[in-house]
Amino acid sequence: MQTGVLRVLRATAASWWRHRELRRTGEKDLARQLERTAVLRDLGYLKQAASLPNAHVICGDGGTFLHLGWITVSTLAPIERFPLAVLAVARGTPFIDIRPIRDVIAFANLPRATRDGSLDPEHSGAGKCVSLTTYIEKVEGLGARIANDPRLRQST
């Protein structure tokens, strides 16, 4: 793992209000232990984002979501204030920016990206599952911006 990644994860863990409060009250050992646990957890999320074929990051007006199969890590903040998602995207995880989408009804009726690789026989409607590449094609048609597009990797 790169030193820069560890630095970001450590800074993020240390900046959490609970850890800062523990340091302020003199419980530095507990703060260090909790920060280490947070860093190891986030490293695990980054490894999953790199290894799972359907892992992706979505950013909308409601926040940022890092989808890792059956696990979702989220925040109400935009991606610019979610260092774990920024690191995942920087390391190649597909990023779907849905903030430009104005037709929220059409977006709400889209099928979701599959979590575990299984597909529904019917590939339409809300609640159905489609592959990540099919999902990207559908949201791109509504105006979403895509970074680290997995379709480009598959075509070569």
Protein backbone atom coordinates (compact mmCIF):
# COMPACT_ATOMS: atom_id res chain seq x y z
CA MET A 1 0.00 0.00 0.00
CA GLN A 2 1.27 3.44 -0.84
CA THR A 3 2.43 5.72 1.97
CA GLY A 4 0.17 8.53 0.71
CA VAL A 5 -2.92 6.32 1.06
CA LEU A 6 -2.00 5.43 4.63
CA ARG A 7 -1.38 9.09 5.43
CA VAL A 8 -4.84 10.07 4.19
CA LEU A 9 -6.54 7.24 6.09
CA ARG A 10 -4.66 8.07 9.30
CA ALA A 11 -5.50 11.77 9.01
CA THR A 12 -9.13 10.95 8.37
CA ALA A 13 -9.29 8.64 11.39
CA ALA A 14 -7.52 11.17 13.63
CA SER A 15 -9.86 13.98 12.57
CA TRP A 16 -13.02 12.17 13.63
CA TRP A 17 -14.63 14.09 16.50
CA ARG A 18 -14.67 11.11 18.87
CA HIS A 19 -10.95 10.46 18.44
CA ARG A 20 -10.12 14.15 18.88
CA GLU A 21 -12.20 14.22 22.07
CA LEU A 22 -10.40 11.16 23.46
CA ARG A 23 -7.04 12.82 22.82
CA ARG A 24 -8.25 16.03 24.46
CA THR A 25 -9.32 14.15 27.60
CA GLY A 26 -5.99 12.33 27.83
CA GLU A 27 -7.09 8.92 26.53
CA LYS A 28 -4.45 8.85 23.83
CA ASP A 29 -3.93 5.07 23.86
CA LEU A 30 -7.63 4.41 23.27
CA ALA A 31 -7.71 7.06 20.54
CA ARG A 32 -4.72 5.42 18.81
CA GLN A 33 -6.33 1.99 19.06
CA LEU A 34 -9.63 3.23 17.58
CA GLU A 35 -7.80 5.12 14.83
CA ARG A 36 -5.82 2.00 13.93
CA THR A 37 -9.04 -0.02 13.77
CA ALA A 38 -10.58 2.63 11.47
CA VAL A 39 -7.52 2.64 9.19
CA LEU A 40 -7.52 -1.17 8.92
CA ARG A 41 -11.26 -1.18 8.18
CA ASP A 42 -10.82 1.46 5.46
CA LEU A 43 -7.87 -0.44 3.97
CA GLY A 44 -10.15 -3.45 3.74
CA TYR A 45 -12.75 -1.35 1.92
CA LEU A 46 -10.11 -0.13 -0.54
CA LYS A 47 -8.95 -3.70 -1.20
CA GLN A 48 -12.56 -4.76 -1.84
CA ALA A 49 -13.09 -1.79 -4.18
CA ALA A 50 -10.07 -2.88 -6.19
CA SER A 51 -10.98 -6.55 -6.34
CA LEU A 52 -14.77 -6.65 -6.78
CA PRO A 53 -15.94 -6.33 -10.40
CA ASN A 54 -19.14 -4.46 -9.48
CA ALA A 55 -17.67 -2.06 -6.91
CA HIS A 56 -18.42 1.56 -7.75
CA VAL A 57 -18.79 5.03 -6.26
CA ILE A 58 -21.93 7.10 -6.81
CA CYS A 59 -22.17 10.78 -5.93
CA GLY A 60 -25.48 12.62 -5.98
CA ASP A 61 -27.24 15.43 -4.17
CA GLY A 62 -28.02 13.01 -1.34
CA GLY A 63 -24.37 12.21 -0.65
CA THR A 64 -21.65 9.82 -1.75
CA PHE A 65 -21.89 6.02 -1.70
CA LEU A 66 -19.12 3.47 -2.08
CA HIS A 67 -20.84 0.24 -3.16
CA LEU A 68 -18.84 -2.90 -2.35
CA GLY A 69 -21.08 -5.82 -3.15
CA TRP A 70 -23.30 -6.29 -0.10
CA ILE A 71 -21.52 -3.51 1.84
CA THR A 72 -22.19 0.17 1.23
CA VAL A 73 -20.13 2.91 2.87
CA SER A 74 -21.76 6.33 2.64
CA THR A 75 -21.78 9.91 3.80
CA LEU A 76 -24.11 12.84 3.28
CA ALA A 77 -21.17 14.88 1.97
CA PRO A 78 -20.07 15.26 -1.65
CA ILE A 79 -17.18 13.11 -2.83
CA GLU A 80 -14.75 15.97 -2.28
CA ARG A 81 -15.31 15.55 1.49
CA PHE A 82 -15.22 11.73 1.56
CA PRO A 83 -11.52 10.73 1.45
CA LEU A 84 -12.19 6.97 1.30
CA ALA A 85 -14.27 7.38 -1.88
CA VAL A 86 -11.70 9.75 -3.39
CA LEU A 87 -8.96 7.16 -2.75
CA ALA A 88 -11.08 4.37 -4.25
CA VAL A 89 -11.68 6.42 -7.41
CA ALA A 90 -8.01 7.42 -7.60
CA ARG A 91 -7.12 3.71 -7.47
CA GLY A 92 -9.45 2.89 -10.40
CA THR A 93 -12.91 2.21 -8.95
CA PRO A 94 -15.63 3.39 -11.37
CA PHE A 95 -17.17 6.72 -10.37
CA ILE A 96 -20.71 7.68 -11.38
CA ASP A 97 -21.56 11.34 -10.80
CA ILE A 98 -25.35 11.59 -10.89
CA ARG A 99 -25.49 15.25 -9.80
CA PRO A 100 -26.12 16.45 -13.40
CA ILE A 101 -29.24 14.23 -13.74
CA ARG A 102 -32.40 16.35 -13.63
CA ASP A 103 -35.02 13.68 -14.44
CA VAL A 104 -35.27 12.15 -10.96
CA ILE A 105 -38.31 10.05 -11.89
CA ALA A 106 -36.43 8.32 -14.73
CA PHE A 107 -33.44 7.82 -12.42
CA ALA A 108 -35.61 6.36 -9.65
CA ASN A 109 -37.10 3.88 -12.14
CA LEU A 110 -33.71 2.56 -13.26
CA PRO A 111 -32.71 -0.95 -12.24
CA ARG A 112 -29.88 -1.07 -9.74
CA ALA A 113 -26.41 -2.43 -10.34
CA THR A 114 -26.06 -6.04 -9.27
CA ARG A 115 -24.21 -6.64 -6.04
CA ASP A 116 -23.07 -10.21 -6.33
CA GLY A 117 -22.90 -10.83 -10.08
CA SER A 118 -26.34 -12.44 -10.37
CA LEU A 119 -28.80 -10.92 -12.84
CA ASP A 120 -32.57 -10.79 -12.92
CA PRO A 121 -34.17 -12.40 -16.00
CA GLU A 122 -36.06 -9.15 -16.65
CA HIS A 123 -33.62 -6.28 -17.08
CA SER A 124 -35.95 -3.35 -16.51
CA GLY A 125 -37.76 -1.47 -13.80
CA ALA A 126 -36.93 -0.33 -10.32
CA GLY A 127 -35.87 -3.13 -7.99
CA LYS A 128 -34.35 -5.23 -10.76
CA CYS A 129 -30.62 -5.83 -11.04
CA VAL A 130 -28.41 -5.36 -14.08
CA SER A 131 -24.66 -5.56 -14.60
CA LEU A 132 -22.59 -2.52 -13.69
CA THR A 133 -21.84 -1.79 -17.35
CA THR A 134 -25.54 -1.87 -18.26
CA TYR A 135 -26.31 0.38 -15.28
CA ILE A 136 -23.62 2.83 -16.40
CA GLU A 137 -25.09 2.94 -19.92
CA LYS A 138 -28.53 3.73 -18.50
CA VAL A 139 -27.40 6.51 -16.13
CA GLU A 140 -25.11 7.95 -18.77
CA GLY A 141 -28.18 8.24 -21.03
CA LEU A 142 -29.77 10.41 -18.34
CA GLY A 143 -26.74 12.72 -18.18
CA ALA A 144 -24.47 11.23 -15.51
CA ARG A 145 -20.70 11.65 -15.79
CA ILE A 146 -18.53 8.53 -15.59
CA ALA A 147 -14.90 8.26 -14.50
CA ASN A 148 -12.83 5.05 -14.63
CA ASP A 149 -15.38 3.58 -17.01
CA PRO A 150 -15.15 -0.24 -16.82
CA ARG A 151 -16.55 -0.51 -20.37
CA LEU A 152 -13.30 0.93 -21.72
CA ARG A 153 -11.26 -1.75 -19.92
CA GLN A 154 -13.46 -4.54 -21.32
CA SER A 155 -13.18 -3.39 -24.94
CA THR A 156 -9.38 -3.69 -25.06
